[in-house]
Amino acid sequence: MSEYEITKRQEDNATRENVIIFPSDKKSKKLDIYDSRGIYMFPIGDIKYKDYDIYLEEKGKEYADKRRRLYKIRHEKYRHIKGTPSYYADRILW
């Protein structure tokens, strides 16, 4: 199981999206996503890269907000397609 720690903000975001999250069983991913019935969907978030909560803790809100904006620009093409890993990474991690 991953050593990635889920934050309260991420838990709240997952609840809002009607999914359940756990640290991923895949060592290269941060989170495993399950639907509201507990059926596994897919992993999200590469463990090699930081996300909003990590930037927030390490560098503060201003820097984290800048990184969030750049992430959203970079992933604009796919992050709006509901039900995809990109969608949930955007909604939960960022």
C-alpha atoms as a PDB file:
ATOM      1  CA  MET A   1       0.000   0.000   0.000  1.00  0.00           C
ATOM      2  CA  SER A   2       1.148   3.526  -0.772  1.00  0.00           C
ATOM      3  CA  GLU A   3       2.599   5.761   1.929  1.00  0.00           C
ATOM      4  CA  TYR A   4       0.564   8.669   0.557  1.00  0.00           C
ATOM      5  CA  GLU A   5      -1.564  10.317   3.243  1.00  0.00           C
ATOM      6  CA  ILE A   6      -5.063  11.443   2.308  1.00  0.00           C
ATOM      7  CA  THR A   7      -5.980  14.930   3.535  1.00  0.00           C
ATOM      8  CA  LYS A   8      -9.325  16.137   4.879  1.00  0.00           C
ATOM      9  CA  ARG A   9      -9.747  18.342   1.794  1.00  0.00           C
ATOM     10  CA  GLN A  10      -9.279  15.324  -0.485  1.00  0.00           C
ATOM     11  CA  GLU A  11     -11.792  13.289   1.560  1.00  0.00           C
ATOM     12  CA  ASP A  12     -14.299  16.136   1.270  1.00  0.00           C
ATOM     13  CA  ASN A  13     -13.688  16.416  -2.486  1.00  0.00           C
ATOM     14  CA  ALA A  14     -14.193  12.662  -2.925  1.00  0.00           C
ATOM     15  CA  THR A  15     -17.462  12.813  -0.973  1.00  0.00           C
ATOM     16  CA  ARG A  16     -18.639  15.679  -3.187  1.00  0.00           C
ATOM     17  CA  GLU A  17     -17.861  13.555  -6.273  1.00  0.00           C
ATOM     18  CA  ASN A  18     -19.649  10.552  -4.728  1.00  0.00           C
ATOM     19  CA  VAL A  19     -16.574   8.295  -4.744  1.00  0.00           C
ATOM     20  CA  ILE A  20     -14.482   6.591  -2.070  1.00  0.00           C
ATOM     21  CA  ILE A  21     -10.693   6.988  -1.931  1.00  0.00           C
ATOM     22  CA  PHE A  22      -7.922   4.943  -0.355  1.00  0.00           C
ATOM     23  CA  PRO A  23      -4.114   5.103  -0.615  1.00  0.00           C
ATOM     24  CA  SER A  24      -3.277   3.164  -3.761  1.00  0.00           C
ATOM     25  CA  ASP A  25      -2.113  -0.449  -3.810  1.00  0.00           C
ATOM     26  CA  LYS A  26       0.033   0.475  -6.830  1.00  0.00           C
ATOM     27  CA  LYS A  27       3.336   1.829  -5.589  1.00  0.00           C
ATOM     28  CA  SER A  28       3.521   4.395  -8.418  1.00  0.00           C
ATOM     29  CA  LYS A  29       0.073   5.918  -7.705  1.00  0.00           C
ATOM     30  CA  LYS A  30      -1.345   8.050  -4.867  1.00  0.00           C
ATOM     31  CA  LEU A  31      -5.003   7.060  -4.631  1.00  0.00           C
ATOM     32  CA  ASP A  32      -7.369   4.289  -5.663  1.00  0.00           C
ATOM     33  CA  ILE A  33     -10.868   5.437  -6.630  1.00  0.00           C
ATOM     34  CA  TYR A  34     -13.968   3.354  -5.854  1.00  0.00           C
ATOM     35  CA  ASP A  35     -17.526   4.199  -6.832  1.00  0.00           C
ATOM     36  CA  SER A  36     -20.199   4.773  -4.171  1.00  0.00           C
ATOM     37  CA  ARG A  37     -20.957   1.005  -4.100  1.00  0.00           C
ATOM     38  CA  GLY A  38     -17.305   0.187  -3.326  1.00  0.00           C
ATOM     39  CA  ILE A  39     -16.446  -1.090  -6.812  1.00  0.00           C
ATOM     40  CA  TYR A  40     -12.848  -0.317  -7.845  1.00  0.00           C
ATOM     41  CA  MET A  41     -12.553   2.141 -10.726  1.00  0.00           C
ATOM     42  CA  PHE A  42      -8.872   3.118 -11.195  1.00  0.00           C
ATOM     43  CA  PRO A  43      -5.817   4.717  -9.539  1.00  0.00           C
ATOM     44  CA  ILE A  44      -5.019   8.424  -9.819  1.00  0.00           C
ATOM     45  CA  GLY A  45      -2.009  10.658  -9.157  1.00  0.00           C
ATOM     46  CA  ASP A  46       1.554   9.709  -9.907  1.00  0.00           C
ATOM     47  CA  ILE A  47       3.490   9.459  -6.654  1.00  0.00           C
ATOM     48  CA  LYS A  48       6.495  11.179  -8.311  1.00  0.00           C
ATOM     49  CA  TYR A  49       4.602  14.476  -8.631  1.00  0.00           C
ATOM     50  CA  LYS A  50       3.294  16.853  -6.008  1.00  0.00           C
ATOM     51  CA  ASP A  51      -0.342  17.918  -5.756  1.00  0.00           C
ATOM     52  CA  TYR A  52      -2.168  20.920  -4.299  1.00  0.00           C
ATOM     53  CA  ASP A  53      -2.084  19.714  -0.686  1.00  0.00           C
ATOM     54  CA  ILE A  54       1.632  18.939  -0.803  1.00  0.00           C
ATOM     55  CA  TYR A  55       2.415  22.376  -2.265  1.00  0.00           C
ATOM     56  CA  LEU A  56       0.104  23.994   0.290  1.00  0.00           C
ATOM     57  CA  GLU A  57       1.939  22.355   3.174  1.00  0.00           C
ATOM     58  CA  GLU A  58       5.464  22.877   1.801  1.00  0.00           C
ATOM     59  CA  LYS A  59       5.287  26.298   0.142  1.00  0.00           C
ATOM     60  CA  GLY A  60       2.063  28.011   1.218  1.00  0.00           C
ATOM     61  CA  LYS A  61      -1.231  28.989  -0.379  1.00  0.00           C
ATOM     62  CA  GLU A  62       0.052  31.503  -2.915  1.00  0.00           C
ATOM     63  CA  TYR A  63       2.511  29.042  -4.462  1.00  0.00           C
ATOM     64  CA  ALA A  64       0.004  26.153  -4.280  1.00  0.00           C
ATOM     65  CA  ASP A  65      -2.614  28.270  -6.077  1.00  0.00           C
ATOM     66  CA  LYS A  66      -0.105  29.076  -8.815  1.00  0.00           C
ATOM     67  CA  ARG A  67       0.736  25.370  -9.270  1.00  0.00           C
ATOM     68  CA  ARG A  68      -2.993  24.523  -9.323  1.00  0.00           C
ATOM     69  CA  ARG A  69      -3.609  27.064 -12.092  1.00  0.00           C
ATOM     70  CA  LEU A  70      -0.736  25.656 -14.152  1.00  0.00           C
ATOM     71  CA  TYR A  71      -1.932  22.070 -13.612  1.00  0.00           C
ATOM     72  CA  LYS A  72      -5.420  22.970 -14.818  1.00  0.00           C
ATOM     73  CA  ILE A  73      -4.012  24.665 -17.933  1.00  0.00           C
ATOM     74  CA  ARG A  74      -1.791  21.664 -18.691  1.00  0.00           C
ATOM     75  CA  HIS A  75      -4.638  19.160 -18.331  1.00  0.00           C
ATOM     76  CA  GLU A  76      -7.431  21.246 -19.838  1.00  0.00           C
ATOM     77  CA  LYS A  77      -8.118  18.812 -22.672  1.00  0.00           C
ATOM     78  CA  TYR A  78      -9.146  15.849 -20.484  1.00  0.00           C
ATOM     79  CA  ARG A  79      -9.942  17.091 -16.979  1.00  0.00           C
ATOM     80  CA  HIS A  80     -13.606  17.837 -17.786  1.00  0.00           C
ATOM     81  CA  ILE A  81     -14.472  14.327 -19.046  1.00  0.00           C
ATOM     82  CA  LYS A  82     -16.491  12.910 -16.138  1.00  0.00           C
ATOM     83  CA  GLY A  83     -15.646   9.372 -15.107  1.00  0.00           C
ATOM     84  CA  THR A  84     -12.007   9.477 -16.265  1.00  0.00           C
ATOM     85  CA  PRO A  85      -8.893   9.330 -14.074  1.00  0.00           C
ATOM     86  CA  SER A  86      -8.027  12.852 -15.235  1.00  0.00           C
ATOM     87  CA  TYR A  87     -11.404  14.159 -14.055  1.00  0.00           C
ATOM     88  CA  TYR A  88     -11.010  12.677 -10.560  1.00  0.00           C
ATOM     89  CA  ALA A  89      -7.368  13.730 -10.257  1.00  0.00           C
ATOM     90  CA  ASP A  90      -8.444  17.286 -11.040  1.00  0.00           C
ATOM     91  CA  ARG A  91     -11.418  17.217  -8.651  1.00  0.00           C
ATOM     92  CA  ILE A  92      -9.742  15.414  -5.757  1.00  0.00           C
ATOM     93  CA  LEU A  93      -6.019  16.188  -5.883  1.00  0.00           C
ATOM     94  CA  TRP A  94      -6.201  19.726  -7.244  1.00  0.00           C
END
